Protein backbone atom coordinates (compact mmCIF):
# COMPACT_ATOMS: atom_id res chain seq x y z
CA MET A 1 -30.04 33.37 -13.26
CA THR A 2 -26.74 34.08 -11.47
CA TYR A 3 -24.21 31.48 -10.43
CA LEU A 4 -25.33 32.01 -6.83
CA ASP A 5 -28.83 30.86 -7.83
CA LYS A 6 -27.22 27.86 -9.52
CA LEU A 7 -25.34 27.02 -6.32
CA GLN A 8 -28.66 26.98 -4.48
CA GLN A 9 -30.09 24.66 -7.12
CA ILE A 10 -27.08 22.41 -6.70
CA ASP A 11 -27.55 22.28 -2.92
CA ASN A 12 -31.27 21.54 -3.27
CA LEU A 13 -30.75 18.75 -5.79
CA GLN A 14 -27.93 17.27 -3.75
CA ALA A 15 -30.13 17.33 -0.63
CA ASN A 16 -32.96 15.57 -2.49
CA ILE A 17 -30.57 12.84 -3.59
CA LEU A 18 -29.18 12.37 -0.07
CA GLU A 19 -32.68 12.15 1.41
CA GLN A 20 -33.25 8.97 -0.60
CA GLY A 21 -30.56 7.16 1.37
CA PRO A 22 -27.64 5.07 0.09
CA ILE A 23 -27.70 4.46 -3.65
CA PRO A 24 -28.15 0.75 -4.50
CA ILE A 25 -24.88 -0.73 -5.70
CA GLU A 26 -26.14 -1.66 -9.17
CA LEU A 27 -27.36 1.91 -9.77
CA LEU A 28 -24.18 3.37 -8.28
CA ASN A 29 -22.07 1.28 -10.66
CA LYS A 30 -24.19 2.45 -13.58
CA ILE A 31 -23.83 6.11 -12.58
CA ASN A 32 -20.09 5.85 -11.97
CA TYR A 33 -19.50 4.13 -15.29
CA LYS A 34 -21.43 6.80 -17.19
CA LEU A 35 -19.54 9.62 -15.43
CA ARG A 36 -16.18 7.88 -15.95
CA LEU A 37 -16.85 7.41 -19.65
CA GLU A 38 -17.89 11.02 -20.20
CA TRP A 39 -14.98 12.35 -18.13
CA ASN A 40 -12.41 10.16 -19.90
CA PHE A 41 -13.69 10.91 -23.38
CA THR A 42 -14.41 14.62 -23.11
CA SER A 43 -11.36 15.71 -21.13
CA ASN A 44 -8.92 13.88 -23.39
CA SER A 45 -10.61 14.84 -26.66
CA MET A 46 -10.33 18.50 -25.60
CA GLU A 47 -6.56 18.01 -25.63
CA GLY A 48 -6.46 16.44 -29.10
CA ASN A 49 -6.95 12.76 -28.29
CA THR A 50 -8.40 11.12 -31.41
CA LEU A 51 -10.25 8.20 -29.80
CA THR A 52 -14.01 8.20 -30.28
CA LYS A 53 -16.38 7.55 -27.38
CA ARG A 54 -16.84 3.96 -28.57
CA GLU A 55 -13.07 3.47 -28.71
CA THR A 56 -12.74 5.03 -25.25
CA ARG A 57 -15.21 2.43 -23.98
CA THR A 58 -13.12 -0.39 -25.40
CA VAL A 59 -10.02 0.89 -23.63
CA MET A 60 -11.92 1.20 -20.35
CA VAL A 61 -13.14 -2.43 -20.48
CA GLY A 62 -9.74 -3.74 -21.57
CA VAL A 63 -10.85 -4.94 -25.02
CA ILE A 64 -9.13 -2.40 -27.24
CA ASP A 65 -10.81 -2.04 -30.62
CA ILE A 66 -9.34 0.87 -32.58
CA ASN A 67 -8.42 1.49 -36.17
CA ASP A 68 -5.16 3.26 -37.07
CA LYS A 69 -5.13 5.41 -33.94
CA PRO A 70 -1.88 6.48 -32.23
CA ILE A 71 -0.77 4.20 -29.38
CA LYS A 72 -0.16 7.38 -27.38
CA ASP A 73 -3.89 8.16 -27.47
CA VAL A 74 -4.78 4.67 -26.25
CA ILE A 75 -2.29 4.75 -23.38
CA GLU A 76 -3.36 8.22 -22.29
CA ILE A 77 -7.01 7.14 -22.07
CA ARG A 78 -6.05 4.03 -20.12
CA ASN A 79 -3.83 6.01 -17.74
CA HIS A 80 -6.45 8.74 -17.30
CA ASP A 81 -9.14 6.16 -16.50
CA LYS A 82 -6.91 4.53 -13.89
CA VAL A 83 -6.32 7.87 -12.14
CA ILE A 84 -9.94 9.02 -12.14
CA SER A 85 -11.24 5.58 -11.11
CA THR A 86 -9.13 5.90 -7.95
CA ILE A 87 -10.38 9.44 -7.33
CA MET A 88 -14.03 8.44 -7.73
CA LYS A 89 -13.61 5.91 -4.91
CA ILE A 90 -12.57 8.49 -2.30
CA GLY A 91 -14.98 9.25 0.48
CA LYS A 92 -16.56 12.51 1.46
CA GLY A 93 -14.09 14.67 3.39
CA GLU A 94 -11.00 12.97 1.96
CA LEU A 95 -9.54 16.11 0.40
CA ASN A 96 -5.78 15.86 0.19
CA VAL A 97 -4.19 18.06 -2.44
CA SER A 98 -0.44 18.49 -2.15
CA GLU A 99 2.41 19.27 -4.54
CA ALA A 100 3.41 15.59 -4.39
CA ARG A 101 -0.10 14.39 -5.22
CA ILE A 102 -0.46 16.80 -8.14
CA LYS A 103 2.84 15.56 -9.57
CA GLU A 104 1.76 11.94 -9.10
CA ILE A 105 -1.48 12.63 -10.96
CA HIS A 106 0.52 14.18 -13.80
CA LYS A 107 2.77 11.11 -13.90
CA GLY A 108 -0.31 8.92 -13.90
CA ILE A 109 -2.01 10.46 -16.93
CA MET A 110 0.91 11.41 -19.20
CA TYR A 111 2.62 9.30 -21.82
CA GLU A 112 5.53 10.41 -23.97
CA GLU A 113 7.43 8.58 -26.69
CA ASP A 114 10.01 11.38 -26.92
CA PRO A 115 12.80 10.65 -24.36
CA GLU A 116 13.42 14.39 -23.96
CA LYS A 117 9.83 15.05 -22.89
CA LEU A 118 9.68 11.92 -20.76
CA LYS A 119 11.94 13.41 -18.10
CA TYR A 120 9.54 16.34 -17.56
CA ILE A 121 6.56 14.19 -16.61
CA GLY A 122 5.63 14.82 -12.98
CA GLN A 123 7.98 17.82 -12.75
CA TRP A 124 7.17 21.54 -12.71
CA LYS A 125 7.84 23.13 -16.08
CA ASN A 126 11.42 24.29 -16.68
CA THR A 127 10.58 26.68 -19.53
CA ASP A 128 7.89 29.29 -19.95
CA ASN A 129 4.71 28.33 -21.79
CA TYR A 130 1.91 30.24 -23.46
CA MET A 131 -1.21 29.77 -25.57
CA ILE A 132 -2.78 31.43 -28.58
CA ASN A 133 -6.36 32.20 -27.56
CA PHE A 134 -9.44 31.95 -29.75
CA GLN A 135 -8.89 35.59 -30.76
CA GLY A 136 -5.49 34.66 -32.15
CA GLU A 137 -3.66 36.53 -29.40
CA ARG A 138 -0.83 35.19 -27.25
CA TYR A 139 -1.30 34.72 -23.53
CA ASP A 140 1.72 33.92 -21.36
CA PHE A 141 1.22 31.76 -18.29
CA VAL A 142 3.14 32.22 -15.04
CA PRO A 143 6.93 32.08 -15.68
CA HIS A 144 8.53 28.76 -14.83
CA THR A 145 10.73 30.41 -12.20
CA GLU A 146 7.61 31.32 -10.19
CA VAL A 147 5.74 28.01 -10.44
CA LYS A 148 6.99 26.43 -7.22
CA GLU A 149 6.07 29.47 -5.11
CA ARG A 150 2.72 30.03 -6.84
CA MET A 151 1.69 26.38 -6.49
CA HIS A 152 2.70 26.45 -2.83
CA GLU A 153 0.50 29.53 -2.34
CA LEU A 154 -2.42 27.95 -4.20
CA ILE A 155 -2.32 24.78 -2.10
CA ASN A 156 -2.05 26.78 1.12
CA TRP A 157 -5.07 28.84 0.05
CA LEU A 158 -7.02 25.64 -0.68
CA ASN A 159 -6.20 24.14 2.71
CA THR A 160 -7.11 27.39 4.49
CA GLU A 161 -10.49 27.52 2.74
CA LYS A 162 -11.04 23.86 3.47
CA GLU A 163 -10.57 24.51 7.18
CA LYS A 164 -13.07 27.38 7.04
CA ILE A 165 -15.63 25.01 5.51
CA ASN A 166 -14.86 22.32 8.10
CA GLN A 167 -15.30 24.83 10.91
CA LYS A 168 -18.47 26.22 9.26
CA LYS A 169 -17.21 29.79 9.38
CA LYS A 170 -19.47 32.51 7.96
CA ASN A 171 -16.89 33.59 5.39
CA ALA A 172 -16.26 30.04 4.15
CA ALA A 173 -16.54 29.57 0.40
CA HIS A 174 -19.09 27.23 -1.10
CA PRO A 175 -17.28 23.94 -1.93
CA VAL A 176 -18.27 24.27 -5.60
CA LEU A 177 -16.72 27.74 -5.78
CA LEU A 178 -13.64 26.35 -4.06
CA ALA A 179 -13.24 23.80 -6.86
CA LEU A 180 -13.90 26.33 -9.63
CA LYS A 181 -11.57 29.04 -8.30
CA PHE A 182 -8.83 26.43 -7.85
CA HIS A 183 -9.45 25.44 -11.48
CA LEU A 184 -8.96 29.00 -12.70
CA ASP A 185 -5.88 29.75 -10.61
CA TYR A 186 -4.25 26.44 -11.53
CA LEU A 187 -4.73 27.09 -15.26
CA THR A 188 -3.26 30.57 -14.87
CA ILE A 189 -0.12 29.03 -13.40
CA HIS A 190 -0.03 26.18 -15.97
CA PRO A 191 2.60 24.37 -13.89
CA PHE A 192 3.51 21.55 -16.32
CA TYR A 193 4.96 21.50 -19.82
CA ASP A 194 1.76 19.73 -20.99
CA GLY A 195 -1.35 18.08 -19.52
CA ASN A 196 -2.44 21.16 -17.57
CA GLY A 197 -6.05 21.10 -18.78
CA ARG A 198 -6.53 17.44 -17.87
CA THR A 199 -4.92 17.83 -14.44
CA ALA A 200 -6.97 20.99 -13.79
CA ARG A 201 -10.19 19.09 -14.49
CA ILE A 202 -9.05 16.14 -12.41
CA LEU A 203 -8.13 18.32 -9.43
CA SER A 204 -11.32 20.41 -9.50
CA ASN A 205 -13.36 17.18 -9.70
CA LEU A 206 -11.30 15.76 -6.85
CA ILE A 207 -12.38 18.73 -4.73
CA LEU A 208 -16.02 18.29 -5.76
CA ILE A 209 -15.99 14.54 -5.02
CA SER A 210 -14.41 15.11 -1.61
CA TYR A 211 -17.43 17.28 -0.74
CA GLY A 212 -19.93 14.69 -1.90
CA PHE A 213 -20.59 16.05 -5.39
CA PRO A 214 -20.24 14.10 -8.62
CA PRO A 215 -17.59 15.04 -11.21
CA LEU A 216 -18.52 17.37 -14.04
CA TYR A 217 -17.49 17.04 -17.69
CA ILE A 218 -17.39 19.29 -20.75
CA LYS A 219 -18.90 18.01 -24.00
CA GLU A 220 -17.58 18.75 -27.49
CA ASN A 221 -20.24 21.36 -28.17
CA GLU A 222 -19.46 23.09 -24.84
CA LYS A 223 -15.69 23.41 -25.01
CA GLU A 224 -15.75 26.55 -27.16
CA LYS A 225 -17.64 28.43 -24.44
CA TYR A 226 -15.32 26.97 -21.81
CA TYR A 227 -12.26 28.36 -23.61
CA GLN A 228 -13.97 31.70 -24.30
CA TYR A 229 -14.73 32.21 -20.61
CA LEU A 230 -11.17 31.27 -19.67
CA THR A 231 -9.74 33.65 -22.28
CA ASP A 232 -11.95 36.50 -21.11
CA ILE A 233 -10.71 36.04 -17.55
CA GLN A 234 -7.04 35.35 -18.31
CA SER A 235 -6.38 37.66 -21.27
CA TYR A 236 -8.78 40.52 -20.65
CA GLY A 237 -9.35 40.58 -16.90
CA GLY A 238 -12.99 39.58 -17.10
CA GLU A 239 -15.00 38.67 -14.02
CA PRO A 240 -15.30 34.91 -13.36
CA ASP A 241 -19.09 34.98 -12.83
CA LEU A 242 -19.97 33.71 -16.32
CA PHE A 243 -17.40 30.92 -15.98
CA TYR A 244 -18.81 29.95 -12.58
CA ASN A 245 -22.34 29.94 -13.99
CA PHE A 246 -21.28 27.80 -16.95
CA MET A 247 -19.46 25.24 -14.78
CA ALA A 248 -22.30 25.15 -12.22
CA ASN A 249 -24.63 24.12 -15.05
CA LEU A 250 -22.31 21.21 -15.86
CA LEU A 251 -22.40 20.08 -12.24
CA LEU A 252 -26.20 20.34 -12.25
CA ARG A 253 -26.19 18.00 -15.26
CA SER A 254 -24.18 15.39 -13.35
CA LEU A 255 -26.49 15.68 -10.34
CA SER A 256 -29.53 15.39 -12.61
CA LEU A 257 -28.03 12.23 -14.08
CA ILE A 258 -27.95 10.73 -10.57
CA SER A 259 -31.47 11.94 -9.79
CA ASP A 260 -32.82 10.53 -13.05
CA THR A 261 -31.21 7.16 -12.38
CA LEU A 262 -32.76 6.97 -8.91
CA ALA A 263 -36.13 7.86 -10.44
CA GLY A 264 -35.83 4.90 -12.79
CA ASN A 265 -35.18 6.97 -15.90
CA GLU A 266 -32.77 5.73 -18.54
CA ILE A 267 -29.51 7.66 -18.58
CA GLU A 268 -27.91 5.82 -21.48
CA GLU A 269 -28.56 6.89 -25.01
CA GLU A 270 -29.89 4.11 -27.24
CA GLU A 271 -26.63 4.21 -29.17
CA ASP A 272 -24.70 3.73 -25.93
CA VAL A 273 -26.69 0.60 -25.05
CA ASP A 274 -26.10 -0.88 -28.50
CA LYS A 275 -22.39 -0.22 -28.13
CA ASP A 276 -22.37 -1.81 -24.67
CA ILE A 277 -23.91 -4.97 -26.11
CA ALA A 278 -21.38 -5.04 -28.94
CA LEU A 279 -18.52 -4.44 -26.49
CA PHE A 280 -19.69 -7.22 -24.21
CA LYS A 281 -19.81 -9.65 -27.12
CA LEU A 282 -16.38 -8.49 -28.20
CA SER A 283 -15.01 -8.99 -24.68
CA LEU A 284 -16.09 -12.63 -24.52
CA ASP A 285 -13.14 -14.98 -24.64
CA LYS A 286 -14.02 -17.32 -27.49
CA SER A 287 -11.52 -19.86 -26.18
CA LEU A 288 -13.84 -20.37 -23.19
CA GLU A 289 -16.88 -21.15 -25.31
CA ARG A 290 -18.46 -24.39 -24.10
CA LYS A 291 -18.00 -26.98 -26.81
CA GLU A 292 -17.10 -30.20 -24.97
CA THR A 293 -19.91 -32.27 -23.47
CA ARG A 294 -20.12 -34.88 -20.71
CA ASN A 295 -18.74 -38.26 -21.79
CA TRP A 296 -16.52 -40.85 -20.19
CA VAL A 297 -13.37 -39.62 -21.94
CA ASN A 298 -13.84 -36.14 -20.51
CA ILE A 299 -14.95 -37.37 -17.08
CA SER A 300 -12.00 -39.72 -16.68
CA LYS A 301 -9.58 -36.99 -17.77
CA VAL A 302 -11.03 -34.62 -15.16
CA ILE A 303 -10.75 -37.31 -12.47
CA LYS A 304 -7.16 -38.20 -13.37
CA ASP A 305 -5.77 -34.72 -14.03
CA SER A 306 -7.84 -32.59 -11.64
CA GLY A 307 -9.36 -34.94 -9.06
CA VAL A 308 -6.23 -36.94 -8.21
CA PRO A 309 -3.92 -33.94 -7.52
CA LEU A 310 -6.74 -32.20 -5.61
CA PHE A 311 -7.39 -35.24 -3.43
CA GLN A 312 -3.68 -35.74 -2.74
CA LYS A 313 -3.43 -32.16 -1.50
CA PHE A 314 -6.70 -32.62 0.40
CA ILE A 315 -5.37 -35.69 2.25
CA ASN A 316 -2.05 -34.03 3.11
CA LYS A 317 -3.73 -30.90 4.46
CA LEU A 318 -6.45 -32.59 6.53
CA SER A 319 -4.07 -35.16 8.00
CA GLN A 320 -2.96 -32.36 10.36
CA PHE A 321 -6.25 -32.91 12.24
CA ASP A 322 -5.80 -36.70 12.61
CA GLU A 323 -4.42 -36.60 16.17
CA LEU A 324 -7.42 -34.56 17.37
CA PHE A 325 -9.78 -37.49 16.71
CA GLN A 326 -9.88 -41.12 17.86
CA SER A 327 -9.75 -42.35 14.26
CA HIS A 328 -10.17 -41.29 10.68
CA GLU A 329 -10.64 -42.72 7.21
CA TYR A 330 -11.04 -41.43 3.71
CA ARG A 331 -12.90 -42.94 0.84
CA ILE A 332 -13.92 -42.23 -2.74
CA ILE A 333 -17.62 -42.12 -3.57
CA PHE A 334 -19.27 -42.28 -7.01
CA ASN A 335 -22.85 -41.57 -7.99
CA THR A 336 -24.29 -42.80 -11.25
CA ASP A 337 -27.53 -42.49 -13.15
CA LYS A 338 -27.97 -46.28 -12.99
CA SER A 339 -28.20 -48.59 -9.99
CA LYS A 340 -25.49 -51.08 -10.88
CA GLY A 341 -22.93 -51.86 -8.21
CA TYR A 342 -20.62 -54.42 -9.77
CA ASN A 343 -17.21 -54.23 -8.06
CA LEU A 344 -18.11 -51.18 -5.96
CA GLU A 345 -19.81 -51.30 -2.59
CA SER A 346 -23.22 -49.63 -2.70
CA ARG A 347 -23.53 -46.66 -0.32
CA SER A 348 -26.39 -44.16 0.01
CA GLY A 349 -27.49 -44.43 -3.59
CA GLY A 350 -23.88 -44.30 -4.83
CA TYR A 351 -20.81 -46.48 -4.82
CA MET A 352 -17.77 -46.44 -2.59
CA LEU A 353 -14.20 -47.28 -3.54
CA SER A 354 -11.55 -47.89 -0.92
CA ALA A 355 -8.99 -45.09 -0.79
CA SER A 356 -6.51 -46.97 1.40
CA ASN A 357 -4.12 -47.26 -1.50
CA PHE A 358 -4.91 -43.94 -3.16
CA PRO A 359 -4.42 -43.08 -5.97
CA GLU A 360 -3.49 -46.51 -7.36
CA THR A 361 -6.87 -48.07 -6.55
CA LEU A 362 -8.73 -45.25 -8.27
CA LEU A 363 -6.53 -45.21 -11.38
CA THR A 364 -6.78 -48.98 -11.73
CA TRP A 365 -10.56 -48.83 -11.59
CA LEU A 366 -10.72 -45.95 -14.09
CA ASN A 367 -8.70 -47.95 -16.60
CA LYS A 368 -10.79 -51.09 -16.18
CA PRO A 369 -13.87 -51.21 -18.46
CA ASN A 370 -17.18 -51.74 -16.63
CA ASP A 371 -20.80 -50.68 -16.81
CA ILE A 372 -20.54 -48.03 -14.11
CA ASN A 373 -17.88 -45.61 -15.21
CA GLY A 374 -19.76 -44.57 -18.33
CA ASN A 375 -22.72 -43.56 -16.16
CA VAL A 376 -20.90 -41.53 -13.51
CA ILE A 377 -22.58 -38.18 -12.79
CA SER A 378 -20.55 -37.24 -9.71
CA PHE A 379 -17.70 -38.40 -7.56
CA GLY A 380 -15.78 -37.18 -4.56
CA MET A 381 -13.54 -37.94 -1.63
CA GLU A 382 -14.69 -37.96 1.97
CA TYR A 383 -12.25 -37.52 4.84
CA PHE A 384 -14.18 -38.84 7.84
CA PHE A 385 -12.97 -37.88 11.34
CA LYS A 386 -14.47 -39.95 14.19
CA ALA A 387 -14.85 -39.04 17.88
CA TYR A 388 -13.20 -35.75 18.74
CA LYS A 389 -10.92 -36.24 21.77
CA PHE A 390 -10.97 -32.96 23.65
CA SER A 391 -14.62 -32.31 24.45
CA ARG A 392 -17.79 -34.23 23.87
CA PRO A 393 -17.06 -36.66 21.02
CA PHE A 394 -18.36 -35.69 17.62
CA ASN A 395 -17.73 -36.82 14.07
CA LEU A 396 -16.64 -34.54 11.26
CA PRO A 397 -17.13 -35.61 7.65
CA VAL A 398 -15.34 -33.37 5.12
CA PHE A 399 -16.27 -33.99 1.50
CA ILE A 400 -14.89 -32.62 -1.80
CA HIS A 401 -17.32 -33.28 -4.61
CA PHE A 402 -17.20 -33.17 -8.44
CA SER A 403 -20.49 -32.89 -10.36
CA PHE A 404 -20.56 -33.65 -14.08
CA GLU A 405 -23.18 -31.70 -16.01
CA GLU A 406 -23.81 -31.65 -19.73
CA TYR A 407 -21.45 -28.78 -20.64
CA LEU A 408 -19.38 -28.23 -17.51
CA TYR A 409 -18.21 -29.79 -14.29
CA SER A 410 -18.20 -28.15 -10.87
CA ILE A 411 -16.21 -28.67 -7.68
CA ASN A 412 -17.45 -27.89 -4.19
CA PHE A 413 -16.87 -29.00 -0.66
CA MET A 414 -19.21 -29.83 2.21
CA ILE A 415 -18.38 -29.98 5.90
CA ILE A 416 -21.21 -31.54 7.86
CA SER A 417 -21.44 -30.76 11.55
CA GLY A 418 -24.97 -29.53 12.05
CA HIS A 419 -24.63 -27.40 8.92
CA GLN A 420 -22.94 -27.40 5.53
CA GLU A 421 -20.30 -25.17 4.02
CA HIS A 422 -20.03 -24.72 0.27
CA TYR A 423 -17.27 -23.40 -1.95
CA ASN A 424 -18.01 -23.81 -5.63
CA ILE A 425 -16.07 -23.37 -8.89
CA GLU A 426 -17.07 -24.33 -12.42
CA LYS A 427 -14.97 -25.45 -15.39
CA ASN A 428 -15.49 -26.42 -19.00
CA TYR A 429 -14.47 -29.97 -19.84
CA ASP A 430 -11.43 -28.72 -21.73
CA GLN A 431 -10.29 -26.79 -18.63
CA LEU A 432 -8.41 -28.54 -15.85
CA MET A 433 -7.86 -27.25 -12.32
CA ASP A 434 -4.58 -25.37 -11.98
CA ASP A 435 -2.38 -25.08 -8.89
CA ASP A 436 -4.19 -21.94 -7.73
CA ASP A 437 -7.59 -23.65 -7.96
CA ILE A 438 -6.34 -26.65 -5.97
CA ASN A 439 -4.52 -24.60 -3.33
CA ASN A 440 -7.45 -22.22 -2.84
CA ILE A 441 -10.09 -24.88 -2.35
CA VAL A 442 -7.92 -27.02 -0.04
CA LYS A 443 -6.99 -23.97 2.02
CA GLU A 444 -10.66 -23.02 2.33
CA VAL A 445 -11.62 -26.56 3.34
CA ALA A 446 -8.96 -26.64 6.08
CA LYS A 447 -9.91 -23.16 7.28
CA ARG A 448 -13.60 -24.04 7.60
CA ALA A 449 -12.85 -27.39 9.24
CA LEU A 450 -10.70 -25.64 11.84
CA GLU A 451 -13.43 -23.09 12.52
CA ILE A 452 -15.93 -25.89 13.15
CA ILE A 453 -13.52 -27.79 15.42
CA LYS A 454 -12.73 -24.65 17.43
CA GLY A 455 -16.42 -23.91 17.68
CA GLU A 456 -17.10 -27.34 19.13
CA ILE A 457 -14.45 -26.71 21.80
CA VAL A 458 -16.33 -23.61 22.92
């Protein structure tokens, strides 16, 4: 079967995938992760990176678990993943390959500890380079003095061919061939001192992705053929057909991976799933493990150290609405699992504490032993606006609420004006709200209150 037949297979499979409509997000994430992992691992290992696939996974998820591997290898995987993650997010038709972008990609993936080599990252090579092919013969790449002109010509060719495809001209190249020919010509130039193989694979995949195809990748047991085909073309003037056929098969594999996922077939190897489970367990922050339980010591600490500063910010922010209403008041409300009122005024199944002298009244009550505080299951502050002045009068209760569960407490707000708005965060009992938590929830409360008030004006 010729590469032209393979191109037809690629088009047919791609059309079948597109006919099924947008890929559900959970499946798309699964596909993208699999392709990212294979691309990161295979492309870097071809260039001598020593990280295993499992170790590559740990770098990708940010929980690095390696044994006696060079820091250079870790950083190169991390940098490579950052670059290709950005590329995989581009949309169809977003093909923008320029000299500046190629240099930025090179800067993005390379890491050097040698200060002398560091200055060449993202710059065209300043000395000639060569390789020893699998036959043991030397092959010289384009001289460094010609790189700038040859790269300029290559990019102009790419843009010209892209326009032919956009205009649907009869002599337009197939987008897959566009990517593969660019790959070959780029490697012949070898424009950088190092990292040419990785950038070649990134750029050819960039072209494929911009035309709606997935990226391809070259496995360990395939790289020998890859290098043989390149050597035959570069060193001995061979025709590129076998190379095109080989690479088209790799693209068919990526498309089949998508098709299999949509059909409900498992695309992960059993070993991969086991490693994912182990990685997830490794990624868990043990410091966040829920150990503390609900008791009065923990509840009172949450009220004092999280509730009080939150309510103070809450009062200050909502006081900006005071002049829009005839009157306002705010009060603290407790709910317990027992119906004992004592020194609190019973209200709607809970108990209300005056907030006129907040926070002193609350702190005094918290420090005074009684039969209620040990039974508190929730508490909150209500800022109650009465009789809006500028249209028909309406009331607006705004309520921030703490719920105390067995292993965690949660904070949410409710704004009641024909409907409720919720904004919820959860914390362990050994975690207090920080400034960001407080500012975010108060800002959201004020924003939603304003939206409701403006809506009532309309």
